[in-house]
N, C-alpha and C. Protein backbone atom coordinates (compact mmCIF):
# COMPACT_ATOMS: atom_id res chain seq x y z
N MET A 1 83.37 39.15 -13.55
CA MET A 1 83.10 40.14 -12.52
C MET A 1 81.69 39.90 -12.00
N SER A 2 81.59 39.62 -10.73
CA SER A 2 80.30 39.27 -10.17
C SER A 2 79.38 40.46 -9.99
N ALA A 3 79.90 41.60 -9.70
CA ALA A 3 79.07 42.79 -9.50
C ALA A 3 79.53 43.90 -10.43
N ALA A 4 78.59 44.64 -10.93
CA ALA A 4 78.94 45.72 -11.84
C ALA A 4 79.64 46.84 -11.09
N PHE A 5 80.66 47.38 -11.71
CA PHE A 5 81.35 48.54 -11.17
C PHE A 5 80.73 49.77 -11.80
N GLN A 6 80.54 50.80 -11.01
CA GLN A 6 79.92 52.03 -11.47
C GLN A 6 80.73 53.23 -11.01
N PRO A 7 80.82 54.26 -11.85
CA PRO A 7 81.41 55.50 -11.36
C PRO A 7 80.68 55.98 -10.11
N GLY A 8 81.43 56.52 -9.18
CA GLY A 8 80.87 57.00 -7.93
C GLY A 8 81.09 56.04 -6.76
N MET A 9 81.38 54.77 -7.04
CA MET A 9 81.69 53.84 -5.95
C MET A 9 82.94 54.36 -5.24
N SER A 10 82.96 54.25 -3.91
CA SER A 10 84.10 54.79 -3.17
C SER A 10 84.43 53.94 -1.95
N ARG A 11 85.61 54.20 -1.42
CA ARG A 11 86.08 53.50 -0.22
C ARG A 11 87.14 54.37 0.42
N GLU A 12 87.25 54.27 1.75
CA GLU A 12 88.29 54.99 2.50
C GLU A 12 89.10 54.03 3.33
N LEU A 13 90.33 54.43 3.61
CA LEU A 13 91.24 53.68 4.44
C LEU A 13 92.00 54.67 5.29
N THR A 14 92.10 54.39 6.59
CA THR A 14 92.89 55.22 7.50
C THR A 14 93.92 54.35 8.20
N VAL A 15 95.16 54.82 8.21
CA VAL A 15 96.25 54.12 8.91
C VAL A 15 97.01 55.14 9.75
N VAL A 16 97.76 54.64 10.70
CA VAL A 16 98.66 55.50 11.47
C VAL A 16 100.05 55.28 10.89
N SER A 17 100.69 56.35 10.45
CA SER A 17 102.03 56.23 9.88
C SER A 17 103.01 55.84 10.98
N SER A 18 104.04 55.08 10.57
CA SER A 18 105.01 54.59 11.54
C SER A 18 106.42 54.72 10.96
N ALA A 19 107.41 54.31 11.74
CA ALA A 19 108.80 54.38 11.30
C ALA A 19 109.01 53.58 10.01
N GLN A 20 108.24 52.53 9.80
CA GLN A 20 108.36 51.74 8.58
C GLN A 20 107.95 52.53 7.34
N ASP A 21 107.21 53.60 7.53
CA ASP A 21 106.72 54.42 6.42
C ASP A 21 107.64 55.59 6.10
N SER A 22 108.78 55.68 6.77
CA SER A 22 109.68 56.82 6.60
C SER A 22 110.35 56.83 5.23
N ALA A 23 110.49 58.01 4.68
CA ALA A 23 111.23 58.17 3.42
C ALA A 23 112.67 57.69 3.57
N ARG A 24 113.21 57.71 4.77
CA ARG A 24 114.59 57.27 5.00
C ARG A 24 114.78 55.78 4.76
N ARG A 25 113.72 55.03 4.72
CA ARG A 25 113.84 53.60 4.39
C ARG A 25 114.27 53.43 2.94
N PHE A 26 114.00 54.43 2.12
CA PHE A 26 114.31 54.34 0.70
C PHE A 26 115.68 54.95 0.38
N TYR A 27 116.09 55.92 1.18
CA TYR A 27 117.39 56.56 1.01
C TYR A 27 117.70 57.33 2.29
N PRO A 28 118.91 57.16 2.86
CA PRO A 28 119.19 57.74 4.17
C PRO A 28 119.19 59.27 4.23
N ASN A 29 119.45 59.94 3.12
CA ASN A 29 119.50 61.40 3.17
C ASN A 29 118.16 62.01 2.72
N LEU A 30 117.07 61.44 3.24
CA LEU A 30 115.73 61.99 3.01
C LEU A 30 115.12 62.34 4.36
N PRO A 31 114.14 63.22 4.37
CA PRO A 31 113.49 63.57 5.64
C PRO A 31 112.81 62.37 6.28
N ASP A 32 112.72 62.41 7.59
CA ASP A 32 112.07 61.34 8.35
C ASP A 32 110.57 61.64 8.46
N VAL A 33 109.89 61.54 7.30
CA VAL A 33 108.46 61.81 7.18
C VAL A 33 107.81 60.69 6.38
N PHE A 34 106.50 60.71 6.29
CA PHE A 34 105.74 59.72 5.53
C PHE A 34 106.18 59.76 4.07
N ALA A 35 106.61 58.62 3.53
CA ALA A 35 107.22 58.53 2.21
C ALA A 35 106.20 58.51 1.07
N THR A 36 106.59 59.10 -0.04
CA THR A 36 105.75 59.08 -1.24
C THR A 36 105.43 57.66 -1.69
N PRO A 37 106.40 56.71 -1.72
CA PRO A 37 106.03 55.35 -2.12
C PRO A 37 105.00 54.71 -1.18
N CYS A 38 105.02 55.07 0.08
CA CYS A 38 104.03 54.54 1.02
C CYS A 38 102.65 55.13 0.73
N LEU A 39 102.61 56.40 0.37
CA LEU A 39 101.34 57.02 -0.02
C LEU A 39 100.79 56.33 -1.26
N GLY A 40 101.64 56.10 -2.25
CA GLY A 40 101.19 55.40 -3.45
C GLY A 40 100.70 54.00 -3.13
N GLY A 41 101.38 53.32 -2.22
CA GLY A 41 100.96 51.98 -1.82
C GLY A 41 99.59 51.98 -1.15
N LEU A 42 99.33 52.98 -0.29
CA LEU A 42 98.00 53.07 0.32
C LEU A 42 96.93 53.35 -0.71
N MET A 43 97.26 54.18 -1.70
CA MET A 43 96.30 54.48 -2.75
C MET A 43 96.00 53.23 -3.57
N GLU A 44 97.02 52.44 -3.87
CA GLU A 44 96.79 51.19 -4.58
C GLU A 44 95.97 50.23 -3.72
N ARG A 45 96.31 50.14 -2.44
CA ARG A 45 95.60 49.21 -1.55
C ARG A 45 94.11 49.53 -1.45
N VAL A 46 93.74 50.78 -1.20
CA VAL A 46 92.33 51.10 -1.01
C VAL A 46 91.55 50.88 -2.30
N SER A 47 92.18 51.13 -3.44
CA SER A 47 91.51 50.90 -4.72
C SER A 47 91.34 49.40 -4.97
N ALA A 48 92.38 48.61 -4.66
CA ALA A 48 92.29 47.16 -4.82
C ALA A 48 91.24 46.57 -3.88
N GLU A 49 91.15 47.10 -2.65
CA GLU A 49 90.13 46.62 -1.71
C GLU A 49 88.73 46.86 -2.26
N LEU A 50 88.50 48.03 -2.85
CA LEU A 50 87.19 48.32 -3.42
C LEU A 50 86.85 47.31 -4.51
N ILE A 51 87.81 47.03 -5.38
CA ILE A 51 87.58 46.06 -6.46
C ILE A 51 87.37 44.66 -5.90
N ASN A 52 88.21 44.28 -4.95
CA ASN A 52 88.22 42.91 -4.45
C ASN A 52 86.87 42.46 -3.90
N GLU A 53 86.12 43.37 -3.34
CA GLU A 53 84.80 43.04 -2.79
C GLU A 53 83.84 42.54 -3.84
N ARG A 54 84.12 42.81 -5.12
CA ARG A 54 83.17 42.52 -6.18
C ARG A 54 83.69 41.55 -7.23
N LEU A 55 84.82 40.91 -6.96
CA LEU A 55 85.41 40.00 -7.94
C LEU A 55 84.83 38.60 -7.84
N ASP A 56 84.81 37.92 -8.96
CA ASP A 56 84.46 36.50 -8.98
C ASP A 56 85.66 35.70 -8.47
N PRO A 57 85.43 34.48 -7.98
CA PRO A 57 86.55 33.63 -7.57
C PRO A 57 87.55 33.48 -8.72
N GLY A 58 88.84 33.57 -8.39
CA GLY A 58 89.88 33.42 -9.40
C GLY A 58 90.29 34.72 -10.06
N GLU A 59 89.59 35.81 -9.76
CA GLU A 59 89.94 37.10 -10.32
C GLU A 59 90.75 37.90 -9.31
N GLN A 60 91.61 38.77 -9.84
CA GLN A 60 92.39 39.71 -9.04
C GLN A 60 92.47 41.00 -9.85
N SER A 61 93.14 42.00 -9.29
CA SER A 61 93.38 43.21 -10.07
C SER A 61 94.85 43.57 -9.99
N VAL A 62 95.31 44.26 -11.03
CA VAL A 62 96.68 44.75 -11.07
C VAL A 62 96.65 46.23 -11.41
N GLY A 63 97.58 46.96 -10.81
CA GLY A 63 97.72 48.38 -11.13
C GLY A 63 98.41 48.53 -12.47
N ILE A 64 97.92 49.46 -13.30
CA ILE A 64 98.56 49.68 -14.60
C ILE A 64 99.07 51.11 -14.76
N SER A 65 98.62 52.04 -13.90
CA SER A 65 99.18 53.39 -13.92
C SER A 65 98.79 54.13 -12.66
N MET A 66 99.63 55.13 -12.32
CA MET A 66 99.30 56.04 -11.23
C MET A 66 99.99 57.37 -11.48
N ASP A 67 99.20 58.42 -11.49
CA ASP A 67 99.73 59.79 -11.59
C ASP A 67 99.52 60.42 -10.22
N LEU A 68 100.58 60.45 -9.43
CA LEU A 68 100.51 60.81 -8.01
C LEU A 68 101.19 62.15 -7.75
N LYS A 69 100.51 63.00 -6.97
CA LYS A 69 101.09 64.24 -6.49
C LYS A 69 101.09 64.19 -4.98
N HIS A 70 102.28 64.25 -4.37
CA HIS A 70 102.42 64.26 -2.92
C HIS A 70 102.72 65.70 -2.53
N THR A 71 101.73 66.39 -1.99
CA THR A 71 101.79 67.85 -1.88
C THR A 71 102.15 68.40 -0.50
N ALA A 72 102.18 67.55 0.53
CA ALA A 72 102.52 68.04 1.87
C ALA A 72 103.12 66.92 2.70
N ALA A 73 104.07 67.27 3.55
CA ALA A 73 104.74 66.30 4.41
C ALA A 73 103.86 65.94 5.61
N THR A 74 103.98 64.68 6.04
CA THR A 74 103.24 64.18 7.20
C THR A 74 104.23 63.64 8.22
N PRO A 75 104.21 64.17 9.46
CA PRO A 75 105.07 63.61 10.50
C PRO A 75 104.69 62.16 10.80
N LEU A 76 105.69 61.35 11.08
CA LEU A 76 105.43 59.97 11.45
C LEU A 76 104.62 59.92 12.75
N GLY A 77 103.73 58.98 12.84
CA GLY A 77 102.84 58.85 13.98
C GLY A 77 101.49 59.50 13.75
N MET A 78 101.35 60.25 12.69
CA MET A 78 100.09 60.91 12.36
C MET A 78 99.23 59.97 11.49
N LYS A 79 97.91 60.09 11.65
CA LYS A 79 96.99 59.31 10.82
C LYS A 79 97.01 59.82 9.38
N VAL A 80 96.88 58.87 8.45
CA VAL A 80 96.75 59.19 7.03
C VAL A 80 95.47 58.53 6.54
N ARG A 81 94.60 59.34 5.91
CA ARG A 81 93.33 58.84 5.39
C ARG A 81 93.34 59.00 3.87
N VAL A 82 93.02 57.90 3.19
CA VAL A 82 92.99 57.90 1.72
C VAL A 82 91.59 57.52 1.27
N ARG A 83 91.07 58.30 0.30
CA ARG A 83 89.75 58.03 -0.26
C ARG A 83 89.90 57.79 -1.76
N THR A 84 89.28 56.71 -2.24
CA THR A 84 89.29 56.40 -3.66
C THR A 84 87.86 56.42 -4.19
N GLU A 85 87.72 56.83 -5.43
CA GLU A 85 86.41 56.83 -6.09
C GLU A 85 86.57 56.39 -7.54
N VAL A 86 85.72 55.46 -7.96
CA VAL A 86 85.72 55.03 -9.36
C VAL A 86 85.20 56.19 -10.21
N THR A 87 85.98 56.56 -11.23
CA THR A 87 85.54 57.63 -12.13
C THR A 87 85.20 57.12 -13.52
N ALA A 88 85.72 55.94 -13.88
CA ALA A 88 85.43 55.39 -15.21
C ALA A 88 85.56 53.88 -15.17
N VAL A 89 84.71 53.22 -15.95
CA VAL A 89 84.75 51.77 -16.11
C VAL A 89 84.74 51.49 -17.61
N GLU A 90 85.82 50.86 -18.08
CA GLU A 90 85.93 50.50 -19.49
C GLU A 90 86.24 49.01 -19.56
N GLY A 91 85.20 48.19 -19.61
CA GLY A 91 85.41 46.74 -19.57
C GLY A 91 86.04 46.36 -18.25
N LYS A 92 87.24 45.75 -18.33
CA LYS A 92 87.93 45.32 -17.12
C LYS A 92 88.91 46.36 -16.59
N LYS A 93 88.94 47.54 -17.20
CA LYS A 93 89.82 48.62 -16.72
C LYS A 93 88.99 49.62 -15.92
N LEU A 94 89.45 49.91 -14.70
CA LEU A 94 88.79 50.87 -13.83
C LEU A 94 89.73 52.03 -13.55
N THR A 95 89.20 53.24 -13.56
CA THR A 95 89.97 54.44 -13.25
C THR A 95 89.45 55.01 -11.94
N PHE A 96 90.38 55.45 -11.09
CA PHE A 96 90.06 55.97 -9.77
C PHE A 96 90.64 57.37 -9.61
N ARG A 97 89.92 58.20 -8.85
CA ARG A 97 90.43 59.49 -8.38
C ARG A 97 90.64 59.33 -6.89
N LEU A 98 91.82 59.69 -6.41
CA LEU A 98 92.15 59.53 -5.01
C LEU A 98 92.58 60.84 -4.39
N GLU A 99 92.28 60.97 -3.09
CA GLU A 99 92.75 62.08 -2.29
C GLU A 99 93.26 61.51 -0.97
N ALA A 100 94.30 62.15 -0.42
CA ALA A 100 94.87 61.71 0.85
C ALA A 100 94.99 62.90 1.78
N PHE A 101 94.75 62.63 3.06
CA PHE A 101 94.78 63.67 4.09
C PHE A 101 95.50 63.14 5.32
N ASP A 102 96.25 64.01 5.99
CA ASP A 102 96.71 63.66 7.33
C ASP A 102 95.77 64.34 8.31
N GLU A 103 96.14 64.46 9.56
CA GLU A 103 95.24 65.03 10.57
C GLU A 103 95.13 66.54 10.46
N VAL A 104 95.92 67.15 9.58
CA VAL A 104 95.93 68.61 9.46
C VAL A 104 95.45 69.10 8.10
N GLU A 105 95.86 68.42 7.03
CA GLU A 105 95.60 68.95 5.68
C GLU A 105 95.60 67.86 4.62
N LYS A 106 95.22 68.26 3.42
CA LYS A 106 95.32 67.38 2.26
C LYS A 106 96.80 67.22 1.93
N ILE A 107 97.22 65.96 1.71
CA ILE A 107 98.64 65.69 1.46
C ILE A 107 98.92 65.13 0.07
N GLY A 108 97.88 64.77 -0.66
CA GLY A 108 98.15 64.23 -1.98
C GLY A 108 96.89 63.88 -2.74
N GLU A 109 97.10 63.63 -4.03
CA GLU A 109 96.01 63.21 -4.91
C GLU A 109 96.60 62.39 -6.04
N ALA A 110 95.75 61.59 -6.67
CA ALA A 110 96.23 60.74 -7.76
C ALA A 110 95.08 60.32 -8.65
N VAL A 111 95.46 59.94 -9.86
CA VAL A 111 94.58 59.20 -10.76
C VAL A 111 95.26 57.85 -10.93
N HIS A 112 94.50 56.79 -10.73
CA HIS A 112 95.04 55.42 -10.71
C HIS A 112 94.17 54.54 -11.59
N GLU A 113 94.82 53.67 -12.36
CA GLU A 113 94.09 52.70 -13.18
C GLU A 113 94.45 51.29 -12.76
N ARG A 114 93.44 50.43 -12.73
CA ARG A 114 93.62 49.02 -12.40
C ARG A 114 92.90 48.18 -13.44
N PHE A 115 93.41 46.98 -13.65
CA PHE A 115 92.81 46.07 -14.61
C PHE A 115 92.47 44.77 -13.91
N ILE A 116 91.29 44.24 -14.16
CA ILE A 116 90.85 42.97 -13.57
C ILE A 116 91.40 41.84 -14.42
N ILE A 117 92.02 40.88 -13.74
CA ILE A 117 92.67 39.75 -14.42
C ILE A 117 92.13 38.42 -13.90
N VAL A 118 92.37 37.38 -14.68
CA VAL A 118 92.14 36.00 -14.22
C VAL A 118 93.49 35.54 -13.68
N ALA A 119 93.53 35.25 -12.39
CA ALA A 119 94.80 35.00 -11.70
C ALA A 119 95.59 33.85 -12.32
N ASP A 120 94.95 32.74 -12.64
CA ASP A 120 95.67 31.58 -13.18
C ASP A 120 96.37 31.92 -14.51
N LYS A 121 95.66 32.62 -15.39
CA LYS A 121 96.25 33.00 -16.68
C LYS A 121 97.42 33.97 -16.48
N PHE A 122 97.22 34.94 -15.61
CA PHE A 122 98.26 35.93 -15.31
C PHE A 122 99.50 35.25 -14.74
N ASN A 123 99.30 34.38 -13.74
CA ASN A 123 100.42 33.69 -13.10
C ASN A 123 101.16 32.78 -14.07
N ALA A 124 100.44 32.16 -14.99
CA ALA A 124 101.08 31.31 -16.00
C ALA A 124 101.99 32.15 -16.90
N ARG A 125 101.53 33.34 -17.29
CA ARG A 125 102.36 34.23 -18.12
C ARG A 125 103.60 34.68 -17.36
N VAL A 126 103.44 34.99 -16.09
CA VAL A 126 104.60 35.40 -15.28
C VAL A 126 105.58 34.26 -15.15
N ALA A 127 105.10 33.04 -14.93
CA ALA A 127 105.98 31.88 -14.82
C ALA A 127 106.74 31.65 -16.13
N GLU A 128 106.09 31.81 -17.26
CA GLU A 128 106.77 31.67 -18.55
C GLU A 128 107.85 32.72 -18.72
N LYS A 129 107.56 33.93 -18.31
CA LYS A 129 108.55 34.99 -18.40
C LYS A 129 109.76 34.69 -17.52
N ALA A 130 109.51 34.17 -16.32
CA ALA A 130 110.60 33.84 -15.39
C ALA A 130 111.52 32.78 -15.99
N LYS A 131 110.98 31.86 -16.79
CA LYS A 131 111.80 30.83 -17.43
C LYS A 131 112.75 31.42 -18.46
N LYS A 132 112.40 32.59 -19.00
CA LYS A 132 113.21 33.23 -20.04
C LYS A 132 114.34 34.09 -19.46
N LYS A 133 114.39 34.18 -18.14
CA LYS A 133 115.40 35.00 -17.49
C LYS A 133 116.80 34.55 -17.89
N THR A 134 117.65 35.51 -18.20
CA THR A 134 119.03 35.20 -18.52
C THR A 134 119.93 35.65 -17.37
N GLY A 135 120.98 34.88 -17.15
CA GLY A 135 121.99 35.24 -16.15
C GLY A 135 121.41 35.27 -14.83
């Protein structure tokens, strides 16, 4: 890790929700609103972006947990803003507190953990696992 991670580091990301973000993409009998998996994906993305700025060459991060609460619906076409903040650093494990807002209100919050990995070692383990696939 080229730069030290510290609690309090933060980053924001704003996107405009679109038809691709609809809950109906996951199951047809769901409301046509911003989907919970899309919110989780934005939370993972903004946290990974914060980490990525400070990684050494050959390092990446992987998500290891997320406790997500999606508390309000967002109409498609509305902006969604997600803010992440590092709350704990334990070696290569980082913990984040996240909040999400649409143009009207807070729509969600989460606690997310990510782990910094060496990409070559990680990819080699995944390739070995793929060789063990049955059927």
